[in-house]
Amino acid sequence: MQQEETKNLIEATLPYFVEAEATEETIYNQLTSTGVDAHLANQIISFVPLAFGRVLMQNLPVSFSKHYTLHTNNKRPHDYLLSEEPVYQAALLCAEQAVTNQTWTEHLHVAIALWSAETQAVNSALISGSQPEDLEISNPQILADIGPKQAKVNARPWWKIW
């Protein structure tokens, strides 16, 4: 799927995130009922809020990770670059354009961003008095089945100590 197609799909999906009573399950069901692949549906649910949250917080001096950690069934978690995730990149572009073009109100943007545990953690830290420049955010954790991944380049086997 090309980035423009992915971006259009994400834009069509945004209202699902702000519906009253929306859950990951309802969004997943709405996506798959329209013919979206299960892995792609999980990627949208995982990466769209993360991208919207990072755009929302882009002016804060917070240190965000460039990686995410993928947890898969019966396998050891692995880190991957967010920049290599087409759905994340398309969602980031969509969020940036929504802000630039003011196609979404701030309220709706925040509603989508707050689906992200990362955004929730930063928000909680700021409310409790932390300074944004003191925050260093660890890798977002992805628990959903987002499909097969390429083996990491230069990855060290778990059993090697160097």
N, C-alpha and C. Protein backbone atom coordinates (compact mmCIF):
# COMPACT_ATOMS: atom_id res chain seq x y z
N MET A 1 0.85 -1.17 0.00
CA MET A 1 0.00 0.00 0.00
C MET A 1 0.90 1.24 0.00
N GLN A 2 0.62 2.17 -0.88
CA GLN A 2 1.38 3.41 -0.99
C GLN A 2 1.05 4.34 0.17
N GLN A 3 1.98 5.27 0.46
CA GLN A 3 1.78 6.17 1.59
C GLN A 3 0.50 7.00 1.46
N GLU A 4 0.19 7.46 0.26
CA GLU A 4 -1.02 8.27 0.07
C GLU A 4 -2.27 7.45 0.35
N GLU A 5 -2.28 6.19 -0.09
CA GLU A 5 -3.42 5.31 0.19
C GLU A 5 -3.55 5.06 1.69
N THR A 6 -2.43 4.83 2.33
CA THR A 6 -2.42 4.60 3.78
C THR A 6 -2.91 5.84 4.51
N LYS A 7 -2.44 7.00 4.09
CA LYS A 7 -2.86 8.26 4.70
C LYS A 7 -4.36 8.45 4.54
N ASN A 8 -4.90 8.16 3.36
CA ASN A 8 -6.34 8.30 3.12
C ASN A 8 -7.13 7.34 4.01
N LEU A 9 -6.62 6.12 4.17
CA LEU A 9 -7.28 5.15 5.05
C LEU A 9 -7.27 5.65 6.50
N ILE A 10 -6.14 6.19 6.93
CA ILE A 10 -6.03 6.73 8.29
C ILE A 10 -7.02 7.88 8.48
N GLU A 11 -7.08 8.79 7.51
CA GLU A 11 -8.01 9.91 7.61
C GLU A 11 -9.45 9.42 7.72
N ALA A 12 -9.78 8.37 6.99
CA ALA A 12 -11.13 7.81 7.06
C ALA A 12 -11.39 7.14 8.41
N THR A 13 -10.34 6.69 9.06
CA THR A 13 -10.45 5.98 10.33
C THR A 13 -10.52 6.92 11.53
N LEU A 14 -10.03 8.13 11.42
CA LEU A 14 -9.96 9.05 12.56
C LEU A 14 -11.27 9.20 13.31
N PRO A 15 -12.40 9.31 12.64
CA PRO A 15 -13.66 9.43 13.40
C PRO A 15 -13.94 8.25 14.32
N TYR A 16 -13.42 7.06 13.97
CA TYR A 16 -13.62 5.89 14.83
C TYR A 16 -13.04 6.10 16.22
N PHE A 17 -11.92 6.83 16.30
CA PHE A 17 -11.23 7.04 17.57
C PHE A 17 -11.99 7.99 18.50
N VAL A 18 -12.82 8.84 17.95
CA VAL A 18 -13.49 9.86 18.77
C VAL A 18 -14.97 9.57 19.00
N GLU A 19 -15.43 8.41 18.54
CA GLU A 19 -16.81 8.03 18.79
C GLU A 19 -17.00 7.75 20.28
N ALA A 20 -18.15 8.10 20.80
CA ALA A 20 -18.47 7.73 22.18
C ALA A 20 -18.45 6.22 22.26
N GLU A 21 -17.92 5.70 23.34
CA GLU A 21 -17.86 4.25 23.57
C GLU A 21 -16.85 3.53 22.67
N ALA A 22 -15.97 4.26 21.99
CA ALA A 22 -14.97 3.62 21.12
C ALA A 22 -13.98 2.84 21.97
N THR A 23 -13.63 1.66 21.48
CA THR A 23 -12.60 0.83 22.10
C THR A 23 -11.71 0.29 20.99
N GLU A 24 -10.60 -0.30 21.36
CA GLU A 24 -9.75 -0.91 20.34
C GLU A 24 -10.54 -1.97 19.58
N GLU A 25 -11.36 -2.72 20.29
CA GLU A 25 -12.15 -3.77 19.66
C GLU A 25 -13.17 -3.20 18.67
N THR A 26 -13.85 -2.11 19.04
CA THR A 26 -14.83 -1.55 18.10
C THR A 26 -14.15 -0.98 16.87
N ILE A 27 -13.00 -0.33 17.06
CA ILE A 27 -12.26 0.21 15.92
C ILE A 27 -11.78 -0.94 15.03
N TYR A 28 -11.23 -1.97 15.65
CA TYR A 28 -10.77 -3.13 14.90
C TYR A 28 -11.92 -3.73 14.09
N ASN A 29 -13.06 -3.91 14.73
CA ASN A 29 -14.22 -4.48 14.03
C ASN A 29 -14.71 -3.59 12.90
N GLN A 30 -14.70 -2.27 13.10
CA GLN A 30 -15.12 -1.36 12.04
C GLN A 30 -14.15 -1.46 10.85
N LEU A 31 -12.87 -1.51 11.14
CA LEU A 31 -11.88 -1.59 10.06
C LEU A 31 -11.98 -2.91 9.30
N THR A 32 -11.98 -4.02 10.03
CA THR A 32 -11.99 -5.32 9.35
C THR A 32 -13.31 -5.58 8.63
N SER A 33 -14.41 -4.99 9.12
CA SER A 33 -15.69 -5.18 8.43
C SER A 33 -15.73 -4.46 7.09
N THR A 34 -14.84 -3.48 6.91
CA THR A 34 -14.76 -2.79 5.62
C THR A 34 -13.69 -3.38 4.71
N GLY A 35 -13.10 -4.51 5.13
CA GLY A 35 -12.14 -5.20 4.29
C GLY A 35 -10.68 -4.90 4.60
N VAL A 36 -10.41 -4.15 5.66
CA VAL A 36 -9.02 -3.87 6.04
C VAL A 36 -8.43 -5.13 6.66
N ASP A 37 -7.22 -5.49 6.24
CA ASP A 37 -6.51 -6.64 6.77
C ASP A 37 -6.34 -6.52 8.29
N ALA A 38 -6.40 -7.62 9.01
CA ALA A 38 -6.29 -7.62 10.48
C ALA A 38 -4.99 -7.00 10.96
N HIS A 39 -3.87 -7.32 10.29
CA HIS A 39 -2.59 -6.74 10.70
C HIS A 39 -2.58 -5.23 10.50
N LEU A 40 -3.12 -4.79 9.38
CA LEU A 40 -3.17 -3.35 9.11
C LEU A 40 -4.09 -2.65 10.11
N ALA A 41 -5.20 -3.27 10.45
CA ALA A 41 -6.09 -2.69 11.45
C ALA A 41 -5.36 -2.51 12.78
N ASN A 42 -4.59 -3.52 13.19
CA ASN A 42 -3.83 -3.41 14.43
C ASN A 42 -2.74 -2.35 14.34
N GLN A 43 -2.14 -2.20 13.18
CA GLN A 43 -1.13 -1.15 13.00
C GLN A 43 -1.77 0.22 13.14
N ILE A 44 -2.93 0.40 12.55
CA ILE A 44 -3.63 1.69 12.66
C ILE A 44 -3.96 1.99 14.12
N ILE A 45 -4.49 1.02 14.82
CA ILE A 45 -4.85 1.21 16.23
C ILE A 45 -3.61 1.50 17.08
N SER A 46 -2.48 0.91 16.73
CA SER A 46 -1.25 1.10 17.51
C SER A 46 -0.51 2.39 17.17
N PHE A 47 -0.40 2.70 15.88
CA PHE A 47 0.48 3.79 15.47
C PHE A 47 -0.19 5.15 15.30
N VAL A 48 -1.49 5.19 15.00
CA VAL A 48 -2.16 6.47 14.79
C VAL A 48 -2.15 7.32 16.07
N PRO A 49 -2.58 6.78 17.21
CA PRO A 49 -2.53 7.60 18.43
C PRO A 49 -1.11 8.04 18.80
N LEU A 50 -0.14 7.16 18.58
CA LEU A 50 1.25 7.50 18.88
C LEU A 50 1.70 8.69 18.04
N ALA A 51 1.40 8.65 16.75
CA ALA A 51 1.78 9.76 15.85
C ALA A 51 1.06 11.04 16.24
N PHE A 52 -0.24 10.96 16.50
CA PHE A 52 -0.99 12.16 16.88
C PHE A 52 -0.47 12.73 18.20
N GLY A 53 -0.11 11.85 19.13
CA GLY A 53 0.43 12.32 20.39
C GLY A 53 1.76 13.03 20.21
N ARG A 54 2.62 12.48 19.39
CA ARG A 54 3.93 13.11 19.19
C ARG A 54 3.79 14.46 18.48
N VAL A 55 2.87 14.57 17.56
CA VAL A 55 2.64 15.86 16.91
C VAL A 55 2.06 16.85 17.92
N LEU A 56 1.16 16.39 18.75
CA LEU A 56 0.58 17.24 19.79
C LEU A 56 1.66 17.79 20.72
N MET A 57 2.65 16.95 21.03
CA MET A 57 3.69 17.34 22.00
C MET A 57 4.98 17.82 21.34
N GLN A 58 4.95 18.08 20.04
CA GLN A 58 6.17 18.39 19.31
C GLN A 58 6.90 19.64 19.80
N ASN A 59 6.20 20.55 20.43
CA ASN A 59 6.85 21.77 20.92
C ASN A 59 7.35 21.65 22.35
N LEU A 60 7.12 20.50 22.96
CA LEU A 60 7.64 20.27 24.31
C LEU A 60 9.07 19.73 24.20
N PRO A 61 9.95 20.15 25.08
CA PRO A 61 11.32 19.63 25.03
C PRO A 61 11.43 18.25 25.69
N VAL A 62 10.64 17.31 25.19
CA VAL A 62 10.63 15.95 25.70
C VAL A 62 11.45 15.08 24.76
N SER A 63 12.22 14.16 25.31
CA SER A 63 13.04 13.27 24.51
C SER A 63 12.26 11.98 24.22
N PHE A 64 11.85 11.81 22.96
CA PHE A 64 11.11 10.63 22.55
C PHE A 64 12.04 9.62 21.90
N SER A 65 11.73 8.35 22.07
CA SER A 65 12.50 7.28 21.46
C SER A 65 12.22 7.21 19.96
N LYS A 66 13.21 6.80 19.20
CA LYS A 66 13.05 6.60 17.76
C LYS A 66 12.59 5.18 17.46
N HIS A 67 12.53 4.36 18.48
CA HIS A 67 12.19 2.95 18.34
C HIS A 67 10.88 2.63 19.05
N TYR A 68 10.34 1.48 18.73
CA TYR A 68 9.24 0.92 19.51
C TYR A 68 9.61 -0.53 19.79
N THR A 69 9.01 -1.10 20.82
CA THR A 69 9.26 -2.49 21.17
C THR A 69 8.02 -3.30 20.83
N LEU A 70 8.23 -4.32 20.01
CA LEU A 70 7.14 -5.19 19.59
C LEU A 70 7.18 -6.47 20.41
N HIS A 71 6.07 -6.77 21.05
CA HIS A 71 5.92 -8.01 21.82
C HIS A 71 5.04 -8.95 21.01
N THR A 72 5.57 -10.12 20.69
CA THR A 72 4.78 -11.09 19.94
C THR A 72 4.62 -12.35 20.79
N ASN A 73 3.63 -13.12 20.47
CA ASN A 73 3.36 -14.35 21.22
C ASN A 73 4.56 -15.28 21.23
N ASN A 74 4.92 -15.73 22.41
CA ASN A 74 5.98 -16.74 22.60
C ASN A 74 7.33 -16.35 22.02
N LYS A 75 7.54 -15.07 21.79
CA LYS A 75 8.83 -14.63 21.28
C LYS A 75 9.34 -13.50 22.15
N ARG A 76 10.61 -13.35 22.12
CA ARG A 76 11.24 -12.27 22.86
C ARG A 76 10.92 -10.93 22.21
N PRO A 77 10.68 -9.89 23.00
CA PRO A 77 10.40 -8.57 22.41
C PRO A 77 11.60 -8.05 21.60
N HIS A 78 11.30 -7.34 20.53
CA HIS A 78 12.35 -6.75 19.69
C HIS A 78 12.03 -5.28 19.45
N ASP A 79 13.07 -4.51 19.28
CA ASP A 79 12.94 -3.08 18.98
C ASP A 79 13.04 -2.86 17.48
N TYR A 80 12.21 -1.94 16.99
CA TYR A 80 12.21 -1.56 15.58
C TYR A 80 12.13 -0.05 15.47
N LEU A 81 12.61 0.49 14.37
CA LEU A 81 12.56 1.92 14.14
C LEU A 81 11.16 2.35 13.71
N LEU A 82 10.66 3.39 14.34
CA LEU A 82 9.37 3.94 13.94
C LEU A 82 9.44 4.50 12.52
N SER A 83 10.60 5.01 12.15
CA SER A 83 10.76 5.59 10.81
C SER A 83 10.62 4.56 9.70
N GLU A 84 10.68 3.28 10.04
CA GLU A 84 10.52 2.21 9.05
C GLU A 84 9.12 1.62 9.03
N GLU A 85 8.21 2.24 9.76
CA GLU A 85 6.82 1.78 9.80
C GLU A 85 5.95 2.66 8.90
N PRO A 86 5.51 2.16 7.76
CA PRO A 86 4.72 2.98 6.84
C PRO A 86 3.45 3.55 7.46
N VAL A 87 2.77 2.79 8.30
CA VAL A 87 1.53 3.29 8.90
C VAL A 87 1.85 4.41 9.88
N TYR A 88 2.91 4.26 10.66
CA TYR A 88 3.30 5.35 11.57
C TYR A 88 3.66 6.60 10.79
N GLN A 89 4.44 6.45 9.72
CA GLN A 89 4.86 7.59 8.92
C GLN A 89 3.66 8.29 8.27
N ALA A 90 2.71 7.51 7.75
CA ALA A 90 1.51 8.10 7.15
C ALA A 90 0.66 8.79 8.21
N ALA A 91 0.57 8.19 9.40
CA ALA A 91 -0.20 8.81 10.49
C ALA A 91 0.47 10.10 10.95
N LEU A 92 1.79 10.13 10.99
CA LEU A 92 2.53 11.33 11.36
C LEU A 92 2.24 12.44 10.36
N LEU A 93 2.29 12.12 9.09
CA LEU A 93 1.98 13.09 8.04
C LEU A 93 0.54 13.58 8.16
N CYS A 94 -0.36 12.67 8.41
CA CYS A 94 -1.77 13.02 8.56
C CYS A 94 -1.95 13.97 9.75
N ALA A 95 -1.32 13.67 10.88
CA ALA A 95 -1.44 14.51 12.07
C ALA A 95 -0.83 15.89 11.84
N GLU A 96 0.34 15.92 11.18
CA GLU A 96 0.99 17.21 10.89
C GLU A 96 0.12 18.06 9.97
N GLN A 97 -0.45 17.43 8.94
CA GLN A 97 -1.31 18.17 8.01
C GLN A 97 -2.60 18.63 8.69
N ALA A 98 -3.12 17.82 9.60
CA ALA A 98 -4.33 18.22 10.32
C ALA A 98 -4.08 19.47 11.15
N VAL A 99 -2.89 19.56 11.74
CA VAL A 99 -2.54 20.75 12.52
C VAL A 99 -2.31 21.94 11.59
N THR A 100 -1.51 21.74 10.56
CA THR A 100 -1.19 22.81 9.62
C THR A 100 -2.44 23.36 8.93
N ASN A 101 -3.28 22.46 8.45
CA ASN A 101 -4.48 22.86 7.70
C ASN A 101 -5.69 23.13 8.58
N GLN A 102 -5.52 22.87 9.86
CA GLN A 102 -6.60 23.03 10.85
C GLN A 102 -7.87 22.29 10.42
N THR A 103 -7.67 21.06 9.94
CA THR A 103 -8.80 20.25 9.52
C THR A 103 -9.45 19.52 10.69
N TRP A 104 -8.75 19.46 11.81
CA TRP A 104 -9.28 18.87 13.04
C TRP A 104 -9.17 19.91 14.12
N THR A 105 -10.15 19.93 15.00
CA THR A 105 -10.03 20.83 16.14
C THR A 105 -9.01 20.25 17.11
N GLU A 106 -8.46 21.10 17.94
CA GLU A 106 -7.49 20.62 18.93
C GLU A 106 -8.12 19.57 19.83
N HIS A 107 -9.38 19.76 20.15
CA HIS A 107 -10.08 18.79 21.01
C HIS A 107 -10.05 17.39 20.40
N LEU A 108 -10.34 17.27 19.11
CA LEU A 108 -10.34 15.97 18.45
C LEU A 108 -8.94 15.40 18.34
N HIS A 109 -7.96 16.26 18.08
CA HIS A 109 -6.57 15.83 18.00
C HIS A 109 -6.13 15.25 19.35
N VAL A 110 -6.45 15.96 20.41
CA VAL A 110 -6.10 15.49 21.76
C VAL A 110 -6.81 14.18 22.07
N ALA A 111 -8.07 14.05 21.67
CA ALA A 111 -8.82 12.83 21.93
C ALA A 111 -8.13 11.62 21.29
N ILE A 112 -7.62 11.78 20.08
CA ILE A 112 -6.91 10.69 19.42
C ILE A 112 -5.56 10.46 20.10
N ALA A 113 -4.84 11.53 20.40
CA ALA A 113 -3.52 11.42 21.03
C ALA A 113 -3.59 10.71 22.37
N LEU A 114 -4.66 10.92 23.11
CA LEU A 114 -4.78 10.31 24.44
C LEU A 114 -5.04 8.81 24.40
N TRP A 115 -5.24 8.26 23.22
CA TRP A 115 -5.28 6.80 23.09
C TRP A 115 -3.88 6.22 23.29
N SER A 116 -2.86 7.04 23.14
CA SER A 116 -1.47 6.60 23.26
C SER A 116 -1.03 6.61 24.72
N ALA A 117 -0.47 5.49 25.18
CA ALA A 117 0.05 5.41 26.54
C ALA A 117 1.18 6.42 26.73
N GLU A 118 1.93 6.67 25.68
CA GLU A 118 3.03 7.64 25.75
C GLU A 118 2.49 9.04 26.06
N THR A 119 1.44 9.45 25.36
CA THR A 119 0.84 10.76 25.61
C THR A 119 0.26 10.82 27.01
N GLN A 120 -0.39 9.76 27.43
CA GLN A 120 -0.95 9.72 28.78
C GLN A 120 0.14 9.85 29.84
N ALA A 121 1.28 9.17 29.62
CA ALA A 121 2.38 9.23 30.58
C ALA A 121 2.97 10.63 30.67
N VAL A 122 3.18 11.28 29.53
CA VAL A 122 3.71 12.64 29.54
C VAL A 122 2.71 13.58 30.20
N ASN A 123 1.46 13.45 29.88
CA ASN A 123 0.42 14.28 30.47
C ASN A 123 0.40 14.12 32.00
N SER A 124 0.44 12.89 32.46
CA SER A 124 0.44 12.63 33.91
C SER A 124 1.68 13.22 34.59
N ALA A 125 2.83 13.06 33.94
CA ALA A 125 4.07 13.60 34.52
C ALA A 125 4.01 15.12 34.61
N LEU A 126 3.49 15.77 33.59
CA LEU A 126 3.38 17.23 33.61
C LEU A 126 2.39 17.70 34.67
N ILE A 127 1.27 17.00 34.78
CA ILE A 127 0.27 17.36 35.79
C ILE A 127 0.85 17.21 37.20
N SER A 128 1.70 16.20 37.39
CA SER A 128 2.28 15.98 38.72
C SER A 128 3.48 16.89 38.99
N GLY A 129 3.81 17.77 38.06
CA GLY A 129 4.84 18.78 38.31
C GLY A 129 6.18 18.55 37.65
N SER A 130 6.33 17.51 36.87
CA SER A 130 7.60 17.27 36.18
C SER A 130 7.83 18.35 35.12
N GLN A 131 9.07 18.63 34.86
CA GLN A 131 9.44 19.56 33.80
C GLN A 131 9.63 18.77 32.50
N PRO A 132 9.09 19.27 31.38
CA PRO A 132 9.17 18.50 30.13
C PRO A 132 10.61 18.19 29.72
N GLU A 133 11.53 19.09 29.97
CA GLU A 133 12.92 18.83 29.57
C GLU A 133 13.56 17.72 30.38
N ASP A 134 12.96 17.35 31.50
CA ASP A 134 13.48 16.26 32.32
C ASP A 134 12.92 14.90 31.92
N LEU A 135 11.97 14.89 31.01
CA LEU A 135 11.31 13.65 30.62
C LEU A 135 12.04 12.98 29.47
N GLU A 136 12.37 11.72 29.66
CA GLU A 136 12.94 10.90 28.60
C GLU A 136 12.06 9.67 28.48
N ILE A 137 11.38 9.59 27.38
CA ILE A 137 10.35 8.57 27.20
C ILE A 137 10.97 7.30 26.62
N SER A 138 10.65 6.17 27.23
CA SER A 138 11.15 4.89 26.72
C SER A 138 10.37 4.48 25.47
N ASN A 139 10.79 3.39 24.87
CA ASN A 139 10.14 2.90 23.65
C ASN A 139 8.66 2.64 23.89
N PRO A 140 7.81 3.06 22.96
CA PRO A 140 6.41 2.65 23.04
C PRO A 140 6.35 1.12 22.92
N GLN A 141 5.45 0.52 23.65
CA GLN A 141 5.30 -0.94 23.65
C GLN A 141 4.09 -1.31 22.79
N ILE A 142 4.32 -2.13 21.79
CA ILE A 142 3.25 -2.58 20.90
C ILE A 142 2.96 -4.04 21.23
N LEU A 143 1.73 -4.30 21.68
CA LEU A 143 1.34 -5.64 22.09
C LEU A 143 0.47 -6.33 21.06
N ALA A 144 0.02 -5.63 20.05
CA ALA A 144 -0.89 -6.17 19.04
C ALA A 144 -0.12 -6.95 17.98
N ASP A 145 -0.83 -7.84 17.31
CA ASP A 145 -0.26 -8.59 16.19
C ASP A 145 -0.30 -7.69 14.96
N ILE A 146 0.83 -7.06 14.65
CA ILE A 146 0.88 -6.13 13.52
C ILE A 146 1.47 -6.76 12.27
N GLY A 147 1.64 -8.07 12.31
CA GLY A 147 2.15 -8.78 11.14
C GLY A 147 3.62 -9.09 11.23
N PRO A 148 4.11 -9.85 10.27
CA PRO A 148 5.52 -10.25 10.29
C PRO A 148 6.44 -9.06 10.09
N LYS A 149 7.59 -9.13 10.73
CA LYS A 149 8.60 -8.07 10.65
C LYS A 149 9.86 -8.66 10.05
N GLN A 150 10.61 -7.80 9.39
CA GLN A 150 11.92 -8.19 8.88
C GLN A 150 12.87 -8.38 10.06
N ALA A 151 13.80 -9.28 9.94
CA ALA A 151 14.80 -9.45 10.98
C ALA A 151 15.58 -8.15 11.12
N LYS A 152 15.92 -7.83 12.34
CA LYS A 152 16.66 -6.60 12.58
C LYS A 152 18.07 -6.72 12.02
N VAL A 153 18.53 -5.67 11.38
CA VAL A 153 19.88 -5.64 10.85
C VAL A 153 20.85 -5.42 12.01
N ASN A 154 21.95 -6.13 12.00
CA ASN A 154 22.98 -6.03 13.04
C ASN A 154 22.44 -6.32 14.44
N ALA A 155 21.41 -7.12 14.50
CA ALA A 155 20.87 -7.46 15.81
C ALA A 155 21.76 -8.50 16.47
N ARG A 156 21.97 -8.35 17.74
CA ARG A 156 22.80 -9.27 18.49
C ARG A 156 21.91 -10.41 18.98
N PRO A 157 22.31 -11.66 18.76
CA PRO A 157 21.51 -12.77 19.30
C PRO A 157 21.42 -12.65 20.82
N TRP A 158 20.31 -13.08 21.38
CA TRP A 158 20.06 -12.92 22.81
C TRP A 158 21.11 -13.63 23.66
N TRP A 159 21.74 -14.67 23.11
CA TRP A 159 22.67 -15.46 23.91
C TRP A 159 24.09 -14.93 23.88
N LYS A 160 24.38 -13.93 23.05
CA LYS A 160 25.73 -13.36 23.01
C LYS A 160 25.84 -12.24 24.03
N ILE A 161 26.96 -12.20 24.72
CA ILE A 161 27.11 -11.20 25.77
C ILE A 161 27.86 -9.96 25.31
N TRP A 162 28.32 -9.90 24.10
CA TRP A 162 29.01 -8.69 23.63
C TRP A 162 28.15 -7.86 22.74
